[in-house]
């Protein structure tokens, strides 16, 4: 019996081995192993080598991903279309160039109408009103001399000038002043009726002389294009008074008490006989003299400061 069993086992063993080999071969074919083992990717920093944000610090935004095939900072276009990029970025338009300065303000650019006195005809024979004015000066005791006419291309005009030496009997005008006859008459009457009484009331002295700093002068007004009244011999600037007992009075911004009263009385009374009155406090140009003129104004108006 043993002998028989051993013979059967010996007969079946090769068959069993073959069967196992076939089964293992079939399993090997059903399990396809990968040819290569995947290698884990190592994280690489973004373009620009930006360091990672520090703990507790402000997070740093990641740069935009590069467009495929493009340069850093270029936006990707859909469907692979080429972007319509101009050859060069347009330059900003330049602001229009400013007009060169003319050296004149808007105010001075306004054309002033010509003064009718600039182009007034001059008769070879002295007009009747000029002759009558001279007769009145003689009656007031004013000493004066005739002078040749004054004119210029800029519009200054003094067709019948006189050089005035005194403002009446015993009142000298220093130095002699070139002006028109109307101004000479107004100044003489003002000296006799206003200045001389003010000297007596304030100082108990007589008016001896008046010192002028400007009369006829061919020039425009200070800081303006319009001609000054001096350009027509129609203005007189007074800077000093001398009295009979030696008192000297300067026109200034801070006179003593007596001088202040004397000057204030004169200045106040001048508004009316003269059409323009300026002096210390009006502006810097009149800080050391009194300006009196006969500028023709509408409706006989005055300007007094």
C-alpha atoms as a PDB file:
ATOM      1  CA  UNK A   1       0.000   0.000   0.000  1.00  0.00           C
ATOM      2  CA  UNK A   2       2.789   2.431   0.895  1.00  0.00           C
ATOM      3  CA  UNK A   3       4.542   1.511  -2.219  1.00  0.00           C
ATOM      4  CA  UNK A   4       1.495   2.316  -4.224  1.00  0.00           C
ATOM      5  CA  UNK A   5       0.947   5.690  -2.622  1.00  0.00           C
ATOM      6  CA  UNK A   6       4.497   6.724  -3.136  1.00  0.00           C
ATOM      7  CA  UNK A   7       4.223   5.862  -6.794  1.00  0.00           C
ATOM      8  CA  UNK A   8       1.107   7.913  -7.247  1.00  0.00           C
ATOM      9  CA  UNK A   9       2.663  10.983  -5.511  1.00  0.00           C
ATOM     10  CA  UNK A  10       5.713  10.661  -7.655  1.00  0.00           C
ATOM     11  CA  UNK A  11       3.481  10.605 -10.695  1.00  0.00           C
ATOM     12  CA  UNK A  12       1.352  13.600  -9.667  1.00  0.00           C
ATOM     13  CA  UNK A  13       4.163  15.891  -8.389  1.00  0.00           C
ATOM     14  CA  UNK A  14       5.344  17.083 -11.773  1.00  0.00           C
ATOM     15  CA  UNK A  15       1.774  17.844 -12.784  1.00  0.00           C
ATOM     16  CA  UNK A  16       1.175  19.868  -9.632  1.00  0.00           C
ATOM     17  CA  UNK A  17       4.384  21.783 -10.129  1.00  0.00           C
ATOM     18  CA  UNK A  18       3.384  22.624 -13.672  1.00  0.00           C
ATOM     19  CA  UNK A  19      -0.052  23.774 -12.524  1.00  0.00           C
ATOM     20  CA  UNK A  20       1.424  26.102  -9.865  1.00  0.00           C
ATOM     21  CA  UNK A  21       3.834  27.514 -12.377  1.00  0.00           C
ATOM     22  CA  UNK A  22       0.990  28.338 -14.743  1.00  0.00           C
ATOM     23  CA  UNK A  23      -1.047  29.998 -11.978  1.00  0.00           C
ATOM     24  CA  UNK A  24       1.892  32.161 -10.871  1.00  0.00           C
ATOM     25  CA  UNK A  25       2.633  33.099 -14.465  1.00  0.00           C
ATOM     26  CA  UNK A  26      -0.968  34.228 -14.973  1.00  0.00           C
ATOM     27  CA  UNK A  27      -0.857  36.359 -11.815  1.00  0.00           C
ATOM     28  CA  UNK A  28       2.421  37.922 -12.909  1.00  0.00           C
ATOM     29  CA  UNK A  29       0.890  38.896 -16.235  1.00  0.00           C
ATOM     30  CA  UNK A  30      -2.217  40.424 -14.574  1.00  0.00           C
ATOM     31  CA  UNK A  31      -0.163  42.680 -12.223  1.00  0.00           C
ATOM     32  CA  UNK A  32       1.706  45.181 -14.493  1.00  0.00           C
ATOM     33  CA  UNK A  33       4.369  46.826 -12.477  1.00  0.00           C
ATOM     34  CA  UNK A  34       5.415  50.407 -13.401  1.00  0.00           C
ATOM     35  CA  UNK A  35       8.551  50.625 -15.365  1.00  0.00           C
ATOM     36  CA  UNK A  36       9.811  53.595 -13.327  1.00  0.00           C
ATOM     37  CA  UNK A  37       9.181  54.601  -9.827  1.00  0.00           C
ATOM     38  CA  UNK A  38       7.834  58.271  -9.733  1.00  0.00           C
ATOM     39  CA  UNK A  39      10.297  60.677  -8.262  1.00  0.00           C
ATOM     40  CA  UNK A  40       8.714  63.237  -5.906  1.00  0.00           C
ATOM     41  CA  UNK A  41       9.045  66.830  -7.200  1.00  0.00           C
ATOM     42  CA  UNK A  42      11.059  69.212  -5.150  1.00  0.00           C
ATOM     43  CA  UNK A  43       9.318  72.650  -4.610  1.00  0.00           C
ATOM     44  CA  UNK A  44      11.258  75.432  -6.296  1.00  0.00           C
ATOM     45  CA  UNK A  45      10.887  79.092  -5.353  1.00  0.00           C
ATOM     46  CA  UNK A  46       8.974  81.399  -7.736  1.00  0.00           C
ATOM     47  CA  UNK A  47      10.724  83.509 -10.320  1.00  0.00           C
ATOM     48  CA  UNK A  48      12.594  86.370  -8.900  1.00  0.00           C
ATOM     49  CA  UNK A  49      14.030  84.341  -6.006  1.00  0.00           C
ATOM     50  CA  UNK A  50      11.563  85.943  -3.564  1.00  0.00           C
ATOM     51  CA  UNK A  51      12.319  84.794  -0.020  1.00  0.00           C
ATOM     52  CA  UNK A  52       9.468  83.170   1.947  1.00  0.00           C
ATOM     53  CA  UNK A  53       7.520  85.412   4.276  1.00  0.00           C
ATOM     54  CA  UNK A  54       8.860  85.567   7.776  1.00  0.00           C
ATOM     55  CA  UNK A  55       6.675  84.499  10.633  1.00  0.00           C
ATOM     56  CA  UNK A  56       4.855  87.470  12.054  1.00  0.00           C
ATOM     57  CA  UNK A  57       5.798  89.703   9.096  1.00  0.00           C
ATOM     58  CA  UNK A  58       3.704  91.160   6.340  1.00  0.00           C
ATOM     59  CA  UNK A  59       2.958  88.492   3.708  1.00  0.00           C
ATOM     60  CA  UNK A  60       4.692  89.088   0.409  1.00  0.00           C
ATOM     61  CA  UNK A  61       2.422  88.627  -2.631  1.00  0.00           C
ATOM     62  CA  UNK A  62       3.592  86.052  -5.127  1.00  0.00           C
ATOM     63  CA  UNK A  63       4.494  87.348  -8.583  1.00  0.00           C
ATOM     64  CA  UNK A  64       2.140  86.677 -11.444  1.00  0.00           C
ATOM     65  CA  UNK A  65       2.990  83.458 -13.306  1.00  0.00           C
ATOM     66  CA  UNK A  66       4.955  83.902 -16.479  1.00  0.00           C
ATOM     67  CA  UNK A  67       3.006  83.645 -19.681  1.00  0.00           C
ATOM     68  CA  UNK A  68       3.922  80.600 -21.699  1.00  0.00           C
ATOM     69  CA  UNK A  69       6.725  81.479 -23.969  1.00  0.00           C
ATOM     70  CA  UNK A  70       6.647  85.121 -22.820  1.00  0.00           C
ATOM     71  CA  UNK A  71       8.667  87.333 -20.510  1.00  0.00           C
ATOM     72  CA  UNK A  72       8.087  88.170 -16.919  1.00  0.00           C
ATOM     73  CA  UNK A  73       5.327  90.721 -16.502  1.00  0.00           C
ATOM     74  CA  UNK A  74       3.632  89.952 -19.870  1.00  0.00           C
ATOM     75  CA  UNK A  75      -0.023  88.966 -19.735  1.00  0.00           C
ATOM     76  CA  UNK A  76      -1.013  85.697 -21.361  1.00  0.00           C
ATOM     77  CA  UNK A  77      -3.391  85.957 -24.317  1.00  0.00           C
ATOM     78  CA  UNK A  78      -6.290  83.504 -24.778  1.00  0.00           C
ATOM     79  CA  UNK A  79      -6.225  80.777 -27.426  1.00  0.00           C
ATOM     80  CA  UNK A  80      -2.600  81.401 -28.129  1.00  0.00           C
ATOM     81  CA  UNK A  81      -3.335  84.631 -30.017  1.00  0.00           C
ATOM     82  CA  UNK A  82      -0.534  87.131 -30.417  1.00  0.00           C
ATOM     83  CA  UNK A  83      -1.147  90.280 -28.414  1.00  0.00           C
ATOM     84  CA  UNK A  84      -1.628  93.437 -30.447  1.00  0.00           C
ATOM     85  CA  UNK A  85       1.298  95.251 -28.959  1.00  0.00           C
ATOM     86  CA  UNK A  86       2.488  98.560 -30.494  1.00  0.00           C
ATOM     87  CA  UNK A  87       6.119  98.894 -31.376  1.00  0.00           C
ATOM     88  CA  UNK A  88       6.536 101.506 -28.598  1.00  0.00           C
ATOM     89  CA  UNK A  89       4.318 102.651 -25.807  1.00  0.00           C
ATOM     90  CA  UNK A  90       2.720 106.035 -26.648  1.00  0.00           C
ATOM     91  CA  UNK A  91       4.393 108.984 -24.946  1.00  0.00           C
ATOM     92  CA  UNK A  92       2.206 111.378 -22.928  1.00  0.00           C
ATOM     93  CA  UNK A  93       1.275 114.517 -24.771  1.00  0.00           C
ATOM     94  CA  UNK A  94       3.317 117.532 -23.830  1.00  0.00           C
ATOM     95  CA  UNK A  95       1.552 120.472 -22.267  1.00  0.00           C
ATOM     96  CA  UNK A  96       1.319 123.447 -24.617  1.00  0.00           C
ATOM     97  CA  UNK A  97       4.191 125.841 -24.154  1.00  0.00           C
ATOM     98  CA  UNK A  98       3.409 128.964 -22.222  1.00  0.00           C
ATOM     99  CA  UNK A  99       3.566 132.268 -23.976  1.00  0.00           C
ATOM    100  CA  UNK A 100       6.722 134.186 -23.056  1.00  0.00           C
ATOM    101  CA  UNK A 101       6.161 136.874 -20.428  1.00  0.00           C
ATOM    102  CA  UNK A 102       5.708 140.313 -21.836  1.00  0.00           C
ATOM    103  CA  UNK A 103       6.929 142.067 -18.682  1.00  0.00           C
ATOM    104  CA  UNK A 104       3.557 143.746 -18.240  1.00  0.00           C
ATOM    105  CA  UNK A 105       0.737 142.812 -15.907  1.00  0.00           C
ATOM    106  CA  UNK A 106      -2.834 142.409 -17.153  1.00  0.00           C
ATOM    107  CA  UNK A 107      -3.672 145.799 -15.725  1.00  0.00           C
ATOM    108  CA  UNK A 108      -0.907 147.583 -17.594  1.00  0.00           C
ATOM    109  CA  UNK A 109      -1.764 145.682 -20.819  1.00  0.00           C
ATOM    110  CA  UNK A 110      -5.068 147.535 -20.954  1.00  0.00           C
ATOM    111  CA  UNK A 111      -4.744 150.396 -23.382  1.00  0.00           C
ATOM    112  CA  UNK A 112      -5.398 153.696 -21.684  1.00  0.00           C
ATOM    113  CA  UNK A 113      -7.264 156.223 -23.812  1.00  0.00           C
ATOM    114  CA  UNK A 114      -4.982 159.119 -24.762  1.00  0.00           C
ATOM    115  CA  UNK A 115      -5.240 162.175 -22.561  1.00  0.00           C
ATOM    116  CA  UNK A 116      -6.747 164.993 -24.619  1.00  0.00           C
ATOM    117  CA  UNK A 117      -4.164 167.359 -23.163  1.00  0.00           C
ATOM    118  CA  UNK A 118      -1.405 165.407 -24.918  1.00  0.00           C
ATOM    119  CA  UNK A 119      -2.646 166.385 -28.387  1.00  0.00           C
ATOM    120  CA  UNK A 120      -4.179 169.778 -27.673  1.00  0.00           C
ATOM    121  CA  UNK A 121      -3.213 172.280 -30.378  1.00  0.00           C
ATOM    122  CA  UNK A 122      -1.041 175.183 -29.328  1.00  0.00           C
ATOM    123  CA  UNK A 123      -1.891 178.530 -30.758  1.00  0.00           C
ATOM    124  CA  UNK A 124       0.875 180.970 -31.609  1.00  0.00           C
ATOM    125  CA  UNK A 125      -1.171 183.608 -29.802  1.00  0.00           C
ATOM    126  CA  UNK A 126      -1.759 183.008 -26.082  1.00  0.00           C
ATOM    127  CA  UNK A 127      -5.417 182.108 -25.412  1.00  0.00           C
ATOM    128  CA  UNK A 128      -7.551 184.568 -23.465  1.00  0.00           C
ATOM    129  CA  UNK A 129      -7.896 182.287 -20.433  1.00  0.00           C
ATOM    130  CA  UNK A 130      -4.103 181.975 -20.147  1.00  0.00           C
ATOM    131  CA  UNK A 131      -3.683 185.743 -20.333  1.00  0.00           C
ATOM    132  CA  UNK A 132      -6.403 186.274 -17.704  1.00  0.00           C
ATOM    133  CA  UNK A 133      -4.694 183.776 -15.378  1.00  0.00           C
ATOM    134  CA  UNK A 134      -1.439 185.688 -15.581  1.00  0.00           C
ATOM    135  CA  UNK A 135      -3.218 188.887 -14.709  1.00  0.00           C
ATOM    136  CA  UNK A 136      -4.562 187.260 -11.554  1.00  0.00           C
ATOM    137  CA  UNK A 137      -1.081 186.049 -10.599  1.00  0.00           C
ATOM    138  CA  UNK A 138       0.215 189.596 -10.844  1.00  0.00           C
ATOM    139  CA  UNK A 139      -2.584 190.784  -8.565  1.00  0.00           C
ATOM    140  CA  UNK A 140      -1.630 188.133  -5.979  1.00  0.00           C
ATOM    141  CA  UNK A 141       1.977 189.298  -5.984  1.00  0.00           C
ATOM    142  CA  UNK A 142       3.279 186.119  -7.630  1.00  0.00           C
ATOM    143  CA  UNK A 143       6.587 186.497  -9.476  1.00  0.00           C
ATOM    144  CA  UNK A 144       6.969 184.277 -12.525  1.00  0.00           C
ATOM    145  CA  UNK A 145       8.590 184.087 -15.964  1.00  0.00           C
ATOM    146  CA  UNK A 146       7.366 182.724 -19.284  1.00  0.00           C
ATOM    147  CA  UNK A 147       9.047 179.569 -20.589  1.00  0.00           C
ATOM    148  CA  UNK A 148       9.050 177.737 -23.968  1.00  0.00           C
ATOM    149  CA  UNK A 149       6.441 175.005 -24.427  1.00  0.00           C
ATOM    150  CA  UNK A 150       7.186 171.454 -23.301  1.00  0.00           C
ATOM    151  CA  UNK A 151       6.094 168.308 -25.165  1.00  0.00           C
ATOM    152  CA  UNK A 152       7.218 164.751 -25.884  1.00  0.00           C
ATOM    153  CA  UNK A 153       6.295 161.746 -28.003  1.00  0.00           C
ATOM    154  CA  UNK A 154       5.105 159.970 -24.840  1.00  0.00           C
ATOM    155  CA  UNK A 155       2.284 162.502 -24.440  1.00  0.00           C
ATOM    156  CA  UNK A 156       3.714 164.957 -21.924  1.00  0.00           C
ATOM    157  CA  UNK A 157       2.523 168.466 -22.718  1.00  0.00           C
ATOM    158  CA  UNK A 158       2.860 171.934 -21.201  1.00  0.00           C
ATOM    159  CA  UNK A 159       1.957 174.395 -23.962  1.00  0.00           C
ATOM    160  CA  UNK A 160       2.106 177.648 -21.943  1.00  0.00           C
ATOM    161  CA  UNK A 161       4.488 177.042 -19.023  1.00  0.00           C
ATOM    162  CA  UNK A 162       5.662 179.540 -16.460  1.00  0.00           C
ATOM    163  CA  UNK A 163       8.534 179.343 -13.988  1.00  0.00           C
ATOM    164  CA  UNK A 164       7.152 180.367 -10.589  1.00  0.00           C
ATOM    165  CA  UNK A 165       9.489 182.072  -8.106  1.00  0.00           C
ATOM    166  CA  UNK A 166       7.095 183.127  -5.321  1.00  0.00           C
ATOM    167  CA  UNK A 167       3.624 182.132  -4.100  1.00  0.00           C
ATOM    168  CA  UNK A 168       2.677 185.690  -3.220  1.00  0.00           C
ATOM    169  CA  UNK A 169       4.114 188.694  -1.458  1.00  0.00           C
ATOM    170  CA  UNK A 170       6.902 187.583   0.838  1.00  0.00           C
ATOM    171  CA  UNK A 171       6.446 183.791   0.258  1.00  0.00           C
ATOM    172  CA  UNK A 172       9.331 182.275  -1.676  1.00  0.00           C
ATOM    173  CA  UNK A 173       9.047 179.050  -3.681  1.00  0.00           C
ATOM    174  CA  UNK A 174      12.360 177.182  -3.571  1.00  0.00           C
ATOM    175  CA  UNK A 175      13.607 176.272  -6.062  1.00  0.00           C
ATOM    176  CA  UNK A 176      11.736 177.854  -8.960  1.00  0.00           C
ATOM    177  CA  UNK A 177       9.095 175.490 -10.326  1.00  0.00           C
ATOM    178  CA  UNK A 178       7.849 174.955 -13.888  1.00  0.00           C
ATOM    179  CA  UNK A 179       4.046 174.540 -14.022  1.00  0.00           C
ATOM    180  CA  UNK A 180       0.888 175.694 -15.758  1.00  0.00           C
ATOM    181  CA  UNK A 181      -0.761 178.948 -14.751  1.00  0.00           C
ATOM    182  CA  UNK A 182      -3.842 177.325 -13.169  1.00  0.00           C
ATOM    183  CA  UNK A 183      -1.683 175.371 -10.713  1.00  0.00           C
ATOM    184  CA  UNK A 184       0.378 178.463  -9.899  1.00  0.00           C
ATOM    185  CA  UNK A 185      -2.783 180.391  -9.057  1.00  0.00           C
ATOM    186  CA  UNK A 186      -4.200 177.563  -6.904  1.00  0.00           C
ATOM    187  CA  UNK A 187      -0.888 177.201  -5.022  1.00  0.00           C
ATOM    188  CA  UNK A 188      -0.596 180.956  -4.420  1.00  0.00           C
ATOM    189  CA  UNK A 189      -4.147 181.252  -3.070  1.00  0.00           C
ATOM    190  CA  UNK A 190      -3.619 178.152  -0.892  1.00  0.00           C
ATOM    191  CA  UNK A 191      -0.389 179.575   0.561  1.00  0.00           C
ATOM    192  CA  UNK A 192      -2.054 182.907   1.346  1.00  0.00           C
ATOM    193  CA  UNK A 193      -5.375 181.559   2.684  1.00  0.00           C
ATOM    194  CA  UNK A 194      -4.358 178.254   4.360  1.00  0.00           C
ATOM    195  CA  UNK A 195      -0.614 177.753   4.948  1.00  0.00           C
ATOM    196  CA  UNK A 196       0.207 181.245   6.240  1.00  0.00           C
ATOM    197  CA  UNK A 197      -2.719 181.305   8.742  1.00  0.00           C
ATOM    198  CA  UNK A 198      -1.807 177.772   9.938  1.00  0.00           C
ATOM    199  CA  UNK A 199       1.761 178.942  10.651  1.00  0.00           C
ATOM    200  CA  UNK A 200       0.483 181.902  12.665  1.00  0.00           C
ATOM    201  CA  UNK A 201      -2.034 179.784  14.606  1.00  0.00           C
ATOM    202  CA  UNK A 202       0.376 176.943  15.444  1.00  0.00           C
ATOM    203  CA  UNK A 203       3.745 178.699  15.796  1.00  0.00           C
ATOM    204  CA  UNK A 204       2.978 182.419  15.993  1.00  0.00           C
ATOM    205  CA  UNK A 205       5.202 183.000  12.950  1.00  0.00           C
ATOM    206  CA  UNK A 206       4.798 184.098   9.359  1.00  0.00           C
ATOM    207  CA  UNK A 207       5.276 181.788   6.416  1.00  0.00           C
ATOM    208  CA  UNK A 208       8.622 182.617   4.810  1.00  0.00           C
ATOM    209  CA  UNK A 209       9.154 179.971   2.130  1.00  0.00           C
ATOM    210  CA  UNK A 210       7.850 176.704   0.716  1.00  0.00           C
ATOM    211  CA  UNK A 211      10.280 174.085  -0.623  1.00  0.00           C
ATOM    212  CA  UNK A 212       9.042 171.992  -3.550  1.00  0.00           C
ATOM    213  CA  UNK A 213      10.485 168.623  -4.577  1.00  0.00           C
ATOM    214  CA  UNK A 214       8.702 168.207  -7.930  1.00  0.00           C
ATOM    215  CA  UNK A 215       6.589 170.220 -10.360  1.00  0.00           C
ATOM    216  CA  UNK A 216       6.646 169.585 -14.133  1.00  0.00           C
ATOM    217  CA  UNK A 217       8.221 166.193 -14.874  1.00  0.00           C
ATOM    218  CA  UNK A 218       7.576 164.130 -17.994  1.00  0.00           C
ATOM    219  CA  UNK A 219       6.866 160.716 -16.475  1.00  0.00           C
ATOM    220  CA  UNK A 220       4.059 158.235 -15.796  1.00  0.00           C
ATOM    221  CA  UNK A 221       2.524 157.677 -12.408  1.00  0.00           C
ATOM    222  CA  UNK A 222       4.505 155.487 -10.054  1.00  0.00           C
ATOM    223  CA  UNK A 223       3.832 151.837 -10.960  1.00  0.00           C
ATOM    224  CA  UNK A 224       1.346 152.700 -13.731  1.00  0.00           C
ATOM    225  CA  UNK A 225       1.229 153.341 -17.462  1.00  0.00           C
ATOM    226  CA  UNK A 226      -0.967 156.428 -17.211  1.00  0.00           C
ATOM    227  CA  UNK A 227       0.832 159.748 -17.330  1.00  0.00           C
ATOM    228  CA  UNK A 228       1.246 161.589 -14.057  1.00  0.00           C
ATOM    229  CA  UNK A 229      -0.272 165.031 -13.556  1.00  0.00           C
ATOM    230  CA  UNK A 230       3.337 166.162 -13.265  1.00  0.00           C
ATOM    231  CA  UNK A 231       3.605 165.423 -17.016  1.00  0.00           C
ATOM    232  CA  UNK A 232       1.213 168.333 -17.646  1.00  0.00           C
ATOM    233  CA  UNK A 233       2.712 170.765 -15.138  1.00  0.00           C
ATOM    234  CA  UNK A 234      -0.452 170.224 -13.125  1.00  0.00           C
ATOM    235  CA  UNK A 235       1.006 168.888  -9.840  1.00  0.00           C
ATOM    236  CA  UNK A 236       3.199 170.294  -7.078  1.00  0.00           C
ATOM    237  CA  UNK A 237       5.006 168.284  -4.371  1.00  0.00           C
ATOM    238  CA  UNK A 238       5.924 170.165  -1.172  1.00  0.00           C
ATOM    239  CA  UNK A 239       8.473 168.752   1.266  1.00  0.00           C
ATOM    240  CA  UNK A 240       9.399 171.616   3.644  1.00  0.00           C
ATOM    241  CA  UNK A 241       8.207 174.884   5.180  1.00  0.00           C
ATOM    242  CA  UNK A 242      10.330 177.685   6.652  1.00  0.00           C
ATOM    243  CA  UNK A 243       8.870 180.259   9.053  1.00  0.00           C
ATOM    244  CA  UNK A 244       9.910 183.820   9.870  1.00  0.00           C
ATOM    245  CA  UNK A 245      11.554 183.108  13.255  1.00  0.00           C
ATOM    246  CA  UNK A 246      13.636 180.197  12.094  1.00  0.00           C
ATOM    247  CA  UNK A 247      11.218 177.278  12.549  1.00  0.00           C
ATOM    248  CA  UNK A 248      11.743 174.559   9.951  1.00  0.00           C
ATOM    249  CA  UNK A 249       9.036 171.961   9.299  1.00  0.00           C
ATOM    250  CA  UNK A 250       9.652 168.802   7.291  1.00  0.00           C
ATOM    251  CA  UNK A 251       6.899 166.643   5.858  1.00  0.00           C
ATOM    252  CA  UNK A 252       7.496 163.248   7.464  1.00  0.00           C
ATOM    253  CA  UNK A 253       5.744 160.226   8.908  1.00  0.00           C
ATOM    254  CA  UNK A 254       6.446 160.995  12.594  1.00  0.00           C
ATOM    255  CA  UNK A 255       6.618 164.784  13.178  1.00  0.00           C
ATOM    256  CA  UNK A 256       6.506 166.355  16.631  1.00  0.00           C
ATOM    257  CA  UNK A 257       3.191 167.458  18.116  1.00  0.00           C
ATOM    258  CA  UNK A 258       3.192 171.028  16.747  1.00  0.00           C
ATOM    259  CA  UNK A 259       4.369 169.997  13.302  1.00  0.00           C
ATOM    260  CA  UNK A 260       1.810 167.201  13.217  1.00  0.00           C
ATOM    261  CA  UNK A 261      -1.004 169.681  13.885  1.00  0.00           C
ATOM    262  CA  UNK A 262       0.330 172.175  11.337  1.00  0.00           C
ATOM    263  CA  UNK A 263       0.644 169.514   8.609  1.00  0.00           C
ATOM    264  CA  UNK A 264      -2.739 167.961   9.408  1.00  0.00           C
ATOM    265  CA  UNK A 265      -4.490 171.331   9.159  1.00  0.00           C
ATOM    266  CA  UNK A 266      -2.882 172.029   5.790  1.00  0.00           C
ATOM    267  CA  UNK A 267      -3.617 168.584   4.406  1.00  0.00           C
ATOM    268  CA  UNK A 268      -7.258 168.618   5.453  1.00  0.00           C
ATOM    269  CA  UNK A 269      -7.890 172.083   3.981  1.00  0.00           C
ATOM    270  CA  UNK A 270      -6.184 171.163   0.680  1.00  0.00           C
ATOM    271  CA  UNK A 271      -8.954 168.740  -0.304  1.00  0.00           C
ATOM    272  CA  UNK A 272     -11.163 170.988  -2.405  1.00  0.00           C
ATOM    273  CA  UNK A 273      -8.800 173.650  -3.676  1.00  0.00           C
ATOM    274  CA  UNK A 274      -6.845 170.689  -5.130  1.00  0.00           C
ATOM    275  CA  UNK A 275      -8.424 167.606  -6.717  1.00  0.00           C
ATOM    276  CA  UNK A 276      -5.815 165.138  -5.449  1.00  0.00           C
ATOM    277  CA  UNK A 277      -4.116 165.263  -2.044  1.00  0.00           C
ATOM    278  CA  UNK A 278      -1.591 162.619  -0.957  1.00  0.00           C
ATOM    279  CA  UNK A 279       1.070 162.467   1.739  1.00  0.00           C
ATOM    280  CA  UNK A 280       2.592 160.344   4.509  1.00  0.00           C
ATOM    281  CA  UNK A 281       0.411 157.312   5.052  1.00  0.00           C
ATOM    282  CA  UNK A 282      -0.994 157.283   1.521  1.00  0.00           C
ATOM    283  CA  UNK A 283       1.820 155.074   0.212  1.00  0.00           C
ATOM    284  CA  UNK A 284       5.595 154.764   0.375  1.00  0.00           C
ATOM    285  CA  UNK A 285       6.087 157.146  -2.565  1.00  0.00           C
ATOM    286  CA  UNK A 286       4.499 160.029  -0.634  1.00  0.00           C
ATOM    287  CA  UNK A 287       6.046 159.406   2.777  1.00  0.00           C
ATOM    288  CA  UNK A 288       8.108 162.623   2.750  1.00  0.00           C
ATOM    289  CA  UNK A 289       6.068 165.150   0.796  1.00  0.00           C
ATOM    290  CA  UNK A 290       2.557 166.461   0.186  1.00  0.00           C
ATOM    291  CA  UNK A 291       1.246 165.967  -3.347  1.00  0.00           C
ATOM    292  CA  UNK A 292      -1.268 168.506  -4.650  1.00  0.00           C
ATOM    293  CA  UNK A 293      -2.703 168.438  -8.190  1.00  0.00           C
ATOM    294  CA  UNK A 294      -5.619 169.697 -10.283  1.00  0.00           C
ATOM    295  CA  UNK A 295      -6.403 166.471 -12.169  1.00  0.00           C
ATOM    296  CA  UNK A 296      -9.711 166.887 -14.018  1.00  0.00           C
ATOM    297  CA  UNK A 297     -12.200 164.445 -12.468  1.00  0.00           C
ATOM    298  CA  UNK A 298     -15.793 163.628 -13.247  1.00  0.00           C
ATOM    299  CA  UNK A 299     -18.346 165.901 -11.637  1.00  0.00           C
ATOM    300  CA  UNK A 300     -15.556 167.886  -9.996  1.00  0.00           C
ATOM    301  CA  UNK A 301     -14.694 165.006  -7.642  1.00  0.00           C
ATOM    302  CA  UNK A 302     -11.633 164.791  -5.407  1.00  0.00           C
ATOM    303  CA  UNK A 303      -9.283 162.060  -4.218  1.00  0.00           C
ATOM    304  CA  UNK A 304      -7.733 162.808  -0.824  1.00  0.00           C
ATOM    305  CA  UNK A 305      -5.814 160.376   1.404  1.00  0.00           C
END
